N, C-alpha and C. Protein backbone atom coordinates (compact mmCIF):
# COMPACT_ATOMS: atom_id res chain seq x y z
N UNK A 1 0.84 -1.18 0.00
CA UNK A 1 0.00 0.00 0.00
C UNK A 1 0.89 1.24 0.00
N UNK A 2 0.65 2.16 -0.94
CA UNK A 2 1.33 3.45 -0.94
C UNK A 2 0.32 4.49 -0.46
N UNK A 3 0.73 5.74 -0.51
CA UNK A 3 -0.17 6.81 -0.06
C UNK A 3 -1.44 6.93 -0.88
N UNK A 4 -1.38 6.53 -2.15
CA UNK A 4 -2.55 6.73 -3.01
C UNK A 4 -3.20 5.44 -3.49
N UNK A 5 -2.69 4.29 -3.06
CA UNK A 5 -3.32 3.01 -3.39
C UNK A 5 -3.43 2.18 -2.12
N UNK A 6 -4.32 1.20 -2.20
CA UNK A 6 -4.54 0.31 -1.06
C UNK A 6 -4.84 -1.07 -1.62
N UNK A 7 -4.32 -2.10 -0.99
CA UNK A 7 -4.54 -3.44 -1.52
C UNK A 7 -5.87 -4.03 -1.01
N UNK A 8 -6.26 -5.13 -1.61
CA UNK A 8 -7.55 -5.75 -1.31
C UNK A 8 -7.66 -6.12 0.17
N UNK A 9 -6.61 -6.70 0.72
CA UNK A 9 -6.65 -7.11 2.13
C UNK A 9 -6.93 -5.92 3.04
N UNK A 10 -6.28 -4.79 2.78
CA UNK A 10 -6.50 -3.60 3.60
C UNK A 10 -7.92 -3.07 3.42
N UNK A 11 -8.43 -3.11 2.20
CA UNK A 11 -9.80 -2.65 1.95
C UNK A 11 -10.78 -3.54 2.70
N UNK A 12 -10.54 -4.84 2.69
CA UNK A 12 -11.43 -5.76 3.42
C UNK A 12 -11.48 -5.39 4.89
N UNK A 13 -10.36 -4.99 5.45
CA UNK A 13 -10.34 -4.55 6.84
C UNK A 13 -11.07 -3.24 7.04
N UNK A 14 -10.93 -2.32 6.10
CA UNK A 14 -11.58 -1.02 6.21
C UNK A 14 -13.09 -1.10 6.04
N UNK A 15 -13.56 -2.07 5.28
CA UNK A 15 -15.00 -2.20 5.04
C UNK A 15 -15.74 -2.35 6.37
N UNK A 16 -15.06 -2.92 7.34
CA UNK A 16 -15.68 -3.14 8.65
C UNK A 16 -15.66 -1.89 9.53
N UNK A 17 -14.88 -0.88 9.18
CA UNK A 17 -14.76 0.31 10.03
C UNK A 17 -15.73 1.40 9.60
N UNK A 18 -15.97 2.31 10.50
CA UNK A 18 -16.81 3.46 10.19
C UNK A 18 -16.03 4.45 9.34
N UNK A 19 -16.77 5.28 8.68
CA UNK A 19 -16.23 6.43 7.95
C UNK A 19 -15.36 6.06 6.75
N UNK A 20 -15.52 4.86 6.23
CA UNK A 20 -14.86 4.46 4.99
C UNK A 20 -15.95 4.24 3.96
N UNK A 21 -15.82 4.93 2.83
CA UNK A 21 -16.80 4.81 1.76
C UNK A 21 -16.11 4.23 0.53
N UNK A 22 -16.64 3.12 0.04
CA UNK A 22 -16.15 2.55 -1.22
C UNK A 22 -16.94 3.20 -2.34
N UNK A 23 -16.25 3.87 -3.25
CA UNK A 23 -16.89 4.54 -4.37
C UNK A 23 -16.53 3.78 -5.63
N UNK A 24 -17.51 3.10 -6.22
CA UNK A 24 -17.33 2.30 -7.41
C UNK A 24 -17.64 3.18 -8.62
N UNK A 25 -16.63 3.49 -9.42
CA UNK A 25 -16.79 4.42 -10.54
C UNK A 25 -17.05 3.72 -11.87
N UNK A 26 -17.35 2.42 -11.83
CA UNK A 26 -17.68 1.70 -13.06
C UNK A 26 -19.06 2.11 -13.55
N UNK A 27 -19.39 1.65 -14.73
CA UNK A 27 -20.71 1.95 -15.28
C UNK A 27 -21.79 1.30 -14.41
N UNK A 28 -23.00 1.83 -14.46
CA UNK A 28 -24.08 1.22 -13.69
C UNK A 28 -24.29 -0.26 -14.03
N UNK A 29 -24.13 -0.62 -15.29
CA UNK A 29 -24.31 -2.02 -15.69
C UNK A 29 -23.22 -2.90 -15.10
N UNK A 30 -21.97 -2.43 -15.10
CA UNK A 30 -20.89 -3.21 -14.49
C UNK A 30 -21.14 -3.37 -13.00
N UNK A 31 -21.57 -2.29 -12.36
CA UNK A 31 -21.87 -2.33 -10.92
C UNK A 31 -22.99 -3.32 -10.64
N UNK A 32 -24.02 -3.30 -11.49
CA UNK A 32 -25.15 -4.21 -11.31
C UNK A 32 -24.69 -5.67 -11.45
N UNK A 33 -23.73 -5.94 -12.33
CA UNK A 33 -23.24 -7.31 -12.52
C UNK A 33 -22.58 -7.85 -11.26
N UNK A 34 -21.71 -7.06 -10.65
CA UNK A 34 -21.07 -7.47 -9.40
C UNK A 34 -20.46 -6.23 -8.75
N UNK A 35 -20.60 -6.17 -7.44
CA UNK A 35 -20.01 -5.07 -6.70
C UNK A 35 -19.75 -5.50 -5.26
N UNK A 36 -18.99 -4.70 -4.58
CA UNK A 36 -18.68 -4.94 -3.18
C UNK A 36 -19.88 -4.45 -2.37
N UNK A 37 -20.33 -5.27 -1.44
CA UNK A 37 -21.48 -4.89 -0.60
C UNK A 37 -21.21 -3.54 0.07
N UNK A 38 -22.18 -2.66 -0.02
CA UNK A 38 -22.07 -1.35 0.60
C UNK A 38 -21.39 -0.29 -0.24
N UNK A 39 -20.84 -0.68 -1.40
CA UNK A 39 -20.18 0.30 -2.25
C UNK A 39 -21.20 1.25 -2.86
N UNK A 40 -20.77 2.49 -3.04
CA UNK A 40 -21.58 3.53 -3.67
C UNK A 40 -21.23 3.54 -5.15
N UNK A 41 -22.23 3.51 -6.01
CA UNK A 41 -21.97 3.59 -7.45
C UNK A 41 -22.07 5.03 -7.90
N UNK A 42 -20.94 5.59 -8.32
CA UNK A 42 -20.89 6.94 -8.88
C UNK A 42 -20.04 6.84 -10.13
N UNK A 43 -20.68 6.58 -11.29
CA UNK A 43 -19.94 6.37 -12.52
C UNK A 43 -18.96 7.51 -12.81
N UNK A 44 -17.81 7.16 -13.36
CA UNK A 44 -16.78 8.15 -13.64
C UNK A 44 -17.32 9.34 -14.42
N UNK A 45 -18.22 9.09 -15.38
CA UNK A 45 -18.74 10.20 -16.17
C UNK A 45 -19.60 11.16 -15.35
N UNK A 46 -20.02 10.76 -14.15
CA UNK A 46 -20.79 11.64 -13.27
C UNK A 46 -19.90 12.45 -12.33
N UNK A 47 -18.67 12.04 -12.18
CA UNK A 47 -17.78 12.68 -11.22
C UNK A 47 -17.54 14.15 -11.57
N UNK A 48 -17.20 14.46 -12.81
CA UNK A 48 -16.93 15.85 -13.19
C UNK A 48 -18.13 16.76 -12.92
N UNK A 49 -19.29 16.26 -13.24
CA UNK A 49 -20.52 17.04 -13.07
C UNK A 49 -20.77 17.39 -11.61
N UNK A 50 -20.34 16.53 -10.70
CA UNK A 50 -20.62 16.71 -9.27
C UNK A 50 -19.34 16.91 -8.45
N UNK A 51 -18.25 17.26 -9.11
CA UNK A 51 -16.95 17.35 -8.46
C UNK A 51 -16.96 18.27 -7.24
N UNK A 52 -17.50 19.45 -7.38
CA UNK A 52 -17.53 20.40 -6.26
C UNK A 52 -18.26 19.84 -5.06
N UNK A 53 -19.37 19.21 -5.32
CA UNK A 53 -20.17 18.64 -4.23
C UNK A 53 -19.45 17.47 -3.55
N UNK A 54 -18.76 16.67 -4.33
CA UNK A 54 -18.02 15.53 -3.76
C UNK A 54 -16.90 16.06 -2.86
N UNK A 55 -16.13 17.03 -3.38
CA UNK A 55 -14.99 17.56 -2.64
C UNK A 55 -15.45 18.25 -1.35
N UNK A 56 -16.49 19.06 -1.44
CA UNK A 56 -16.93 19.79 -0.24
C UNK A 56 -17.69 18.91 0.75
N UNK A 57 -18.30 17.84 0.24
CA UNK A 57 -19.13 17.03 1.12
C UNK A 57 -18.52 15.75 1.63
N UNK A 58 -17.38 15.34 1.09
CA UNK A 58 -16.81 14.04 1.45
C UNK A 58 -16.46 13.98 2.92
N UNK A 59 -16.94 12.94 3.57
CA UNK A 59 -16.63 12.68 4.98
C UNK A 59 -16.03 11.29 5.05
N UNK A 60 -15.03 11.14 5.86
CA UNK A 60 -14.41 9.83 5.99
C UNK A 60 -13.45 9.55 4.85
N UNK A 61 -12.94 8.36 4.85
CA UNK A 61 -11.97 7.95 3.84
C UNK A 61 -12.69 7.41 2.61
N UNK A 62 -12.27 7.86 1.43
CA UNK A 62 -12.83 7.35 0.18
C UNK A 62 -11.86 6.34 -0.42
N UNK A 63 -12.38 5.16 -0.72
CA UNK A 63 -11.63 4.15 -1.45
C UNK A 63 -12.32 4.02 -2.80
N UNK A 64 -11.59 4.31 -3.86
CA UNK A 64 -12.16 4.34 -5.20
C UNK A 64 -11.87 3.01 -5.88
N UNK A 65 -12.93 2.44 -6.48
CA UNK A 65 -12.85 1.12 -7.08
C UNK A 65 -13.38 1.18 -8.51
N UNK A 66 -12.73 0.45 -9.42
CA UNK A 66 -13.27 0.22 -10.77
C UNK A 66 -12.94 -1.22 -11.13
N UNK A 67 -12.91 -1.55 -12.39
CA UNK A 67 -12.65 -2.94 -12.77
C UNK A 67 -11.19 -3.33 -12.59
N UNK A 68 -10.27 -2.46 -13.07
CA UNK A 68 -8.85 -2.82 -13.01
C UNK A 68 -8.00 -1.79 -12.27
N UNK A 69 -8.52 -0.61 -12.06
CA UNK A 69 -7.78 0.46 -11.38
C UNK A 69 -7.60 1.70 -12.21
N UNK A 70 -7.75 1.60 -13.54
CA UNK A 70 -7.51 2.76 -14.41
C UNK A 70 -8.52 3.89 -14.20
N UNK A 71 -9.80 3.57 -14.25
CA UNK A 71 -10.81 4.61 -14.05
C UNK A 71 -10.76 5.16 -12.64
N UNK A 72 -10.45 4.31 -11.68
CA UNK A 72 -10.34 4.78 -10.29
C UNK A 72 -9.21 5.80 -10.16
N UNK A 73 -8.08 5.57 -10.84
CA UNK A 73 -6.98 6.54 -10.81
C UNK A 73 -7.38 7.85 -11.48
N UNK A 74 -8.16 7.76 -12.56
CA UNK A 74 -8.64 8.99 -13.20
C UNK A 74 -9.50 9.78 -12.23
N UNK A 75 -10.39 9.09 -11.52
CA UNK A 75 -11.25 9.74 -10.54
C UNK A 75 -10.41 10.36 -9.43
N UNK A 76 -9.45 9.62 -8.93
CA UNK A 76 -8.58 10.11 -7.87
C UNK A 76 -7.85 11.39 -8.33
N UNK A 77 -7.34 11.40 -9.55
CA UNK A 77 -6.65 12.57 -10.08
C UNK A 77 -7.58 13.77 -10.15
N UNK A 78 -8.82 13.54 -10.60
CA UNK A 78 -9.80 14.64 -10.69
C UNK A 78 -10.14 15.19 -9.31
N UNK A 79 -10.32 14.29 -8.36
CA UNK A 79 -10.63 14.73 -7.00
C UNK A 79 -9.46 15.50 -6.39
N UNK A 80 -8.24 15.02 -6.59
CA UNK A 80 -7.06 15.69 -6.05
C UNK A 80 -6.89 17.06 -6.68
N UNK A 81 -7.10 17.17 -8.00
CA UNK A 81 -6.98 18.46 -8.68
C UNK A 81 -8.01 19.46 -8.17
N UNK A 82 -9.14 18.94 -7.71
CA UNK A 82 -10.20 19.81 -7.18
C UNK A 82 -10.02 20.09 -5.69
N UNK A 83 -8.99 19.48 -5.08
CA UNK A 83 -8.69 19.79 -3.69
C UNK A 83 -8.98 18.70 -2.67
N UNK A 84 -9.46 17.56 -3.10
CA UNK A 84 -9.74 16.46 -2.16
C UNK A 84 -8.54 15.53 -2.12
N UNK A 85 -7.83 15.59 -1.02
CA UNK A 85 -6.67 14.72 -0.82
C UNK A 85 -7.09 13.54 0.03
N UNK A 86 -6.37 12.47 -0.07
CA UNK A 86 -6.61 11.33 0.81
C UNK A 86 -7.46 10.22 0.22
N UNK A 87 -8.10 10.45 -0.92
CA UNK A 87 -8.85 9.37 -1.56
C UNK A 87 -7.83 8.38 -2.11
N UNK A 88 -8.08 7.09 -1.91
CA UNK A 88 -7.15 6.06 -2.37
C UNK A 88 -7.82 5.13 -3.37
N UNK A 89 -7.00 4.52 -4.20
CA UNK A 89 -7.46 3.59 -5.22
C UNK A 89 -7.18 2.17 -4.76
N UNK A 90 -8.18 1.28 -4.88
CA UNK A 90 -7.94 -0.12 -4.57
C UNK A 90 -7.14 -0.74 -5.72
N UNK A 91 -5.94 -1.18 -5.43
CA UNK A 91 -5.05 -1.76 -6.44
C UNK A 91 -5.71 -2.96 -7.12
N UNK A 92 -5.71 -2.95 -8.43
CA UNK A 92 -6.23 -4.08 -9.19
C UNK A 92 -7.74 -4.09 -9.35
N UNK A 93 -8.44 -3.21 -8.66
CA UNK A 93 -9.89 -3.08 -8.80
C UNK A 93 -10.66 -4.37 -8.50
N UNK A 94 -11.83 -4.46 -9.11
CA UNK A 94 -12.68 -5.64 -8.89
C UNK A 94 -12.02 -6.92 -9.37
N UNK A 95 -11.14 -6.80 -10.38
CA UNK A 95 -10.41 -8.00 -10.83
C UNK A 95 -9.62 -8.60 -9.67
N UNK A 96 -8.91 -7.76 -8.92
CA UNK A 96 -8.11 -8.24 -7.79
C UNK A 96 -9.01 -8.70 -6.65
N UNK A 97 -10.10 -7.96 -6.40
CA UNK A 97 -11.04 -8.31 -5.33
C UNK A 97 -11.58 -9.73 -5.54
N UNK A 98 -12.06 -9.98 -6.75
CA UNK A 98 -12.63 -11.29 -7.05
C UNK A 98 -11.57 -12.38 -7.11
N UNK A 99 -10.37 -12.05 -7.60
CA UNK A 99 -9.29 -13.03 -7.68
C UNK A 99 -8.90 -13.53 -6.29
N UNK A 100 -9.07 -12.69 -5.28
CA UNK A 100 -8.74 -13.09 -3.91
C UNK A 100 -9.91 -13.73 -3.18
N UNK A 101 -11.00 -13.94 -3.91
CA UNK A 101 -12.15 -14.62 -3.32
C UNK A 101 -12.95 -13.78 -2.35
N UNK A 102 -12.79 -12.47 -2.43
CA UNK A 102 -13.54 -11.58 -1.54
C UNK A 102 -15.01 -11.60 -1.96
N UNK A 103 -15.92 -11.39 -1.01
CA UNK A 103 -17.35 -11.49 -1.32
C UNK A 103 -17.83 -10.37 -2.23
N UNK A 104 -18.73 -10.73 -3.14
CA UNK A 104 -19.34 -9.74 -4.04
C UNK A 104 -20.86 -9.95 -4.07
N UNK A 105 -21.55 -8.88 -4.38
CA UNK A 105 -22.98 -8.95 -4.62
C UNK A 105 -23.15 -9.13 -6.12
N UNK A 106 -23.81 -10.20 -6.52
CA UNK A 106 -23.96 -10.48 -7.95
C UNK A 106 -25.36 -10.14 -8.42
N UNK A 107 -25.40 -9.63 -9.64
CA UNK A 107 -26.66 -9.31 -10.29
C UNK A 107 -26.64 -9.87 -11.70
N UNK A 108 -27.32 -9.20 -12.60
CA UNK A 108 -27.35 -9.61 -14.00
C UNK A 108 -25.94 -9.52 -14.59
N UNK A 109 -25.45 -10.64 -15.10
CA UNK A 109 -24.10 -10.69 -15.66
C UNK A 109 -23.99 -9.92 -16.97
N UNK A 110 -22.94 -9.13 -17.05
CA UNK A 110 -22.57 -8.43 -18.28
C UNK A 110 -21.06 -8.48 -18.40
N UNK A 111 -20.58 -8.33 -19.60
CA UNK A 111 -19.14 -8.25 -19.79
C UNK A 111 -18.65 -6.91 -19.28
N UNK A 112 -17.45 -6.91 -18.71
CA UNK A 112 -16.81 -5.67 -18.28
C UNK A 112 -16.55 -4.80 -19.50
N UNK A 113 -16.51 -3.50 -19.29
CA UNK A 113 -16.33 -2.56 -20.38
C UNK A 113 -15.03 -2.81 -21.15
N UNK A 114 -13.94 -3.11 -20.43
CA UNK A 114 -12.67 -3.37 -21.11
C UNK A 114 -12.79 -4.57 -22.05
N UNK A 115 -13.52 -5.59 -21.63
CA UNK A 115 -13.71 -6.77 -22.47
C UNK A 115 -14.54 -6.42 -23.71
N UNK A 116 -15.54 -5.59 -23.53
CA UNK A 116 -16.35 -5.16 -24.67
C UNK A 116 -15.51 -4.38 -25.68
N UNK A 117 -14.63 -3.50 -25.18
CA UNK A 117 -13.75 -2.73 -26.08
C UNK A 117 -12.85 -3.67 -26.86
N UNK A 118 -12.28 -4.66 -26.17
CA UNK A 118 -11.42 -5.63 -26.88
C UNK A 118 -12.19 -6.37 -27.96
N UNK A 119 -13.45 -6.76 -27.67
CA UNK A 119 -14.26 -7.46 -28.66
C UNK A 119 -14.54 -6.59 -29.87
N UNK A 120 -14.98 -5.36 -29.64
CA UNK A 120 -15.34 -4.47 -30.75
C UNK A 120 -14.10 -4.10 -31.56
N UNK A 121 -13.03 -3.69 -30.88
CA UNK A 121 -11.81 -3.30 -31.60
C UNK A 121 -11.23 -4.48 -32.37
N UNK A 122 -11.15 -5.62 -31.72
CA UNK A 122 -10.62 -6.81 -32.40
C UNK A 122 -11.46 -7.23 -33.58
N UNK A 123 -12.77 -7.16 -33.45
CA UNK A 123 -13.66 -7.53 -34.56
C UNK A 123 -13.50 -6.59 -35.75
N UNK A 124 -13.40 -5.29 -35.45
CA UNK A 124 -13.22 -4.32 -36.54
C UNK A 124 -11.90 -4.56 -37.26
N UNK A 125 -10.84 -4.82 -36.51
CA UNK A 125 -9.54 -5.08 -37.12
C UNK A 125 -9.60 -6.35 -37.96
N UNK A 126 -10.17 -7.42 -37.42
CA UNK A 126 -10.27 -8.69 -38.15
C UNK A 126 -11.06 -8.51 -39.44
N UNK A 127 -12.21 -7.88 -39.36
CA UNK A 127 -13.05 -7.71 -40.55
C UNK A 127 -12.35 -6.82 -41.59
N UNK A 128 -11.68 -5.76 -41.12
CA UNK A 128 -11.02 -4.88 -42.09
C UNK A 128 -9.83 -5.58 -42.76
N UNK A 129 -9.10 -6.41 -42.03
CA UNK A 129 -7.99 -7.15 -42.63
C UNK A 129 -8.52 -8.17 -43.65
N UNK A 130 -9.59 -8.88 -43.27
CA UNK A 130 -10.19 -9.83 -44.22
C UNK A 130 -10.75 -9.11 -45.44
N UNK A 131 -11.40 -7.97 -45.22
CA UNK A 131 -11.95 -7.20 -46.34
C UNK A 131 -10.83 -6.69 -47.25
N UNK A 132 -9.66 -6.44 -46.67
CA UNK A 132 -8.55 -5.92 -47.48
C UNK A 132 -8.04 -6.96 -48.49
N UNK A 133 -8.39 -8.23 -48.27
CA UNK A 133 -8.03 -9.24 -49.26
C UNK A 133 -8.76 -9.03 -50.57
N UNK A 134 -9.98 -8.47 -50.46
CA UNK A 134 -10.78 -8.16 -51.65
C UNK A 134 -10.61 -6.71 -52.09
N UNK A 135 -10.42 -5.84 -51.12
CA UNK A 135 -10.29 -4.40 -51.40
C UNK A 135 -9.18 -3.86 -50.50
N UNK A 136 -7.94 -3.81 -50.99
CA UNK A 136 -6.78 -3.47 -50.17
C UNK A 136 -6.89 -2.21 -49.29
N UNK A 137 -7.57 -1.14 -49.74
CA UNK A 137 -7.65 0.04 -48.86
C UNK A 137 -8.38 -0.20 -47.53
N UNK A 138 -9.14 -1.29 -47.42
CA UNK A 138 -9.87 -1.56 -46.17
C UNK A 138 -8.93 -1.77 -44.98
N UNK A 139 -7.67 -2.11 -45.24
CA UNK A 139 -6.71 -2.30 -44.16
C UNK A 139 -6.49 -1.00 -43.38
N UNK A 140 -6.80 0.13 -43.99
CA UNK A 140 -6.64 1.42 -43.31
C UNK A 140 -7.52 1.50 -42.07
N UNK A 141 -8.68 0.83 -42.09
CA UNK A 141 -9.56 0.83 -40.92
C UNK A 141 -8.85 0.18 -39.73
N UNK A 142 -8.12 -0.90 -39.99
CA UNK A 142 -7.36 -1.55 -38.93
C UNK A 142 -6.32 -0.59 -38.37
N UNK A 143 -5.69 0.17 -39.24
CA UNK A 143 -4.71 1.18 -38.81
C UNK A 143 -5.35 2.25 -37.94
N UNK A 144 -6.54 2.67 -38.31
CA UNK A 144 -7.24 3.69 -37.51
C UNK A 144 -7.59 3.16 -36.12
N UNK A 145 -8.03 1.92 -36.06
CA UNK A 145 -8.34 1.33 -34.76
C UNK A 145 -7.07 1.22 -33.93
N UNK A 146 -5.97 0.80 -34.53
CA UNK A 146 -4.69 0.74 -33.82
C UNK A 146 -4.27 2.11 -33.30
N UNK A 147 -4.44 3.14 -34.14
CA UNK A 147 -4.10 4.50 -33.71
C UNK A 147 -5.00 4.94 -32.55
N UNK A 148 -6.28 4.59 -32.64
CA UNK A 148 -7.21 4.94 -31.56
C UNK A 148 -6.86 4.26 -30.26
N UNK A 149 -6.49 2.98 -30.32
CA UNK A 149 -6.10 2.25 -29.12
C UNK A 149 -4.79 2.81 -28.53
N UNK A 150 -3.87 3.20 -29.40
CA UNK A 150 -2.62 3.81 -28.93
C UNK A 150 -2.92 5.13 -28.23
N UNK A 151 -3.76 5.95 -28.84
CA UNK A 151 -4.16 7.23 -28.23
C UNK A 151 -4.84 6.99 -26.89
N UNK A 152 -5.70 5.98 -26.83
CA UNK A 152 -6.40 5.66 -25.58
C UNK A 152 -5.41 5.27 -24.49
N UNK A 153 -4.39 4.51 -24.84
CA UNK A 153 -3.39 4.10 -23.85
C UNK A 153 -2.56 5.29 -23.37
N UNK A 154 -2.14 6.14 -24.30
CA UNK A 154 -1.30 7.28 -23.94
C UNK A 154 -2.07 8.29 -23.08
N UNK A 155 -3.33 8.53 -23.40
CA UNK A 155 -4.12 9.53 -22.67
C UNK A 155 -4.92 8.93 -21.53
N UNK A 156 -4.93 7.61 -21.42
CA UNK A 156 -5.71 6.90 -20.40
C UNK A 156 -7.19 7.26 -20.49
N UNK A 157 -7.68 7.37 -21.72
CA UNK A 157 -9.09 7.60 -22.00
C UNK A 157 -9.51 6.59 -23.05
N UNK A 158 -10.80 6.45 -23.26
CA UNK A 158 -11.24 5.50 -24.28
C UNK A 158 -12.57 5.94 -24.86
N UNK A 159 -12.51 6.56 -26.03
CA UNK A 159 -13.73 7.03 -26.69
C UNK A 159 -14.64 5.85 -27.03
N UNK A 160 -14.06 4.73 -27.46
CA UNK A 160 -14.88 3.57 -27.79
C UNK A 160 -15.60 3.06 -26.54
N UNK A 161 -14.89 3.01 -25.42
CA UNK A 161 -15.51 2.57 -24.18
C UNK A 161 -16.64 3.48 -23.76
N UNK A 162 -16.43 4.77 -23.89
CA UNK A 162 -17.49 5.71 -23.50
C UNK A 162 -18.69 5.57 -24.43
N UNK A 163 -18.46 5.30 -25.69
CA UNK A 163 -19.57 5.08 -26.62
C UNK A 163 -20.32 3.80 -26.27
N UNK A 164 -19.58 2.76 -25.90
CA UNK A 164 -20.21 1.48 -25.56
C UNK A 164 -21.08 1.59 -24.30
N UNK A 165 -20.74 2.49 -23.39
CA UNK A 165 -21.55 2.64 -22.17
C UNK A 165 -22.96 3.11 -22.47
N UNK A 166 -23.16 3.70 -23.64
CA UNK A 166 -24.48 4.22 -24.01
C UNK A 166 -25.39 3.18 -24.66
N UNK A 167 -24.84 2.00 -24.98
CA UNK A 167 -25.65 0.96 -25.59
C UNK A 167 -26.69 0.42 -24.60
N UNK A 168 -27.84 0.00 -25.08
CA UNK A 168 -28.87 -0.55 -24.18
C UNK A 168 -28.35 -1.71 -23.32
N UNK A 169 -27.46 -2.52 -23.87
CA UNK A 169 -26.88 -3.65 -23.13
C UNK A 169 -26.21 -3.18 -21.84
N UNK A 170 -25.63 -2.00 -21.88
CA UNK A 170 -24.88 -1.47 -20.75
C UNK A 170 -25.71 -0.59 -19.82
N UNK A 171 -27.01 -0.60 -19.99
CA UNK A 171 -27.87 0.17 -19.10
C UNK A 171 -28.41 -0.76 -18.01
N UNK A 172 -28.37 -0.30 -16.77
CA UNK A 172 -28.87 -1.15 -15.69
C UNK A 172 -30.39 -1.20 -15.70
N UNK A 173 -30.93 -2.17 -14.99
CA UNK A 173 -32.39 -2.26 -14.88
C UNK A 173 -32.95 -1.04 -14.17
N UNK A 174 -32.25 -0.60 -13.14
CA UNK A 174 -32.65 0.59 -12.40
C UNK A 174 -31.56 1.64 -12.54
N UNK A 175 -31.96 2.86 -12.80
CA UNK A 175 -31.00 3.94 -12.97
C UNK A 175 -30.24 4.19 -11.67
N UNK A 176 -29.01 4.65 -11.79
CA UNK A 176 -28.21 4.99 -10.63
C UNK A 176 -28.79 6.24 -10.00
N UNK A 177 -28.94 6.22 -8.70
CA UNK A 177 -29.42 7.38 -7.96
C UNK A 177 -28.20 8.18 -7.52
N UNK A 178 -27.77 9.11 -8.38
CA UNK A 178 -26.57 9.89 -8.11
C UNK A 178 -26.73 10.69 -6.82
N UNK A 179 -27.91 11.22 -6.58
CA UNK A 179 -28.16 11.98 -5.35
C UNK A 179 -27.91 11.12 -4.11
N UNK A 180 -28.41 9.89 -4.14
CA UNK A 180 -28.20 8.98 -3.02
C UNK A 180 -26.71 8.69 -2.85
N UNK A 181 -26.01 8.47 -3.95
CA UNK A 181 -24.57 8.21 -3.89
C UNK A 181 -23.83 9.39 -3.28
N UNK A 182 -24.17 10.60 -3.72
CA UNK A 182 -23.52 11.79 -3.18
C UNK A 182 -23.83 11.96 -1.69
N UNK A 183 -25.06 11.68 -1.30
CA UNK A 183 -25.44 11.76 0.12
C UNK A 183 -24.65 10.76 0.96
N UNK A 184 -24.47 9.55 0.44
CA UNK A 184 -23.72 8.54 1.18
C UNK A 184 -22.25 8.91 1.31
N UNK A 185 -21.70 9.57 0.29
CA UNK A 185 -20.32 10.05 0.38
C UNK A 185 -20.22 11.13 1.46
N UNK A 186 -21.23 12.01 1.49
CA UNK A 186 -21.23 13.11 2.48
C UNK A 186 -21.40 12.61 3.90
N UNK A 187 -22.15 11.54 4.08
CA UNK A 187 -22.35 10.99 5.42
C UNK A 187 -21.11 10.22 5.86
N UNK A 188 -20.38 9.68 4.91
CA UNK A 188 -19.16 8.94 5.24
C UNK A 188 -19.41 7.47 5.51
N UNK A 189 -20.51 6.96 4.97
CA UNK A 189 -20.79 5.53 5.16
C UNK A 189 -21.73 5.05 4.11
């Protein structure tokens, strides 16, 4: 554990204490599929819109969780830039939590967003390479996808992922109650 990250074992210990809030920044659909009991769902795309309220209202320790840690680090950076220090990222995200056999609340299964991006990007590359056998310029589409993935890695953003979150498949049965999530962050539990 460093100052800005915390491992699964430490989070498991903190879950039992007061004033620790787990903030899951994954999409509502990912959260619905599986989440840590008691975690607050505040999708990353909602953080900027409510940044001031989160920073001014946060009580207790915030542990930020996503699937692998990338989105949680983005959230942590945004919160720190806005003046909220002390929020930590759970190392390895839900992947690490589940790999260690920690308990999860399961709902309707969906693929994680990263897996969906790999499927869509890989399919586009495969189809464009196969199409280039009949029409050589089609290989340029594969190049564009490669450039997009490189840009996503360098900037730690993903336009394809954000587009995929809008698909009906990625919508939860019940909408996220952002107000409730913000209230729970402010209460510190």
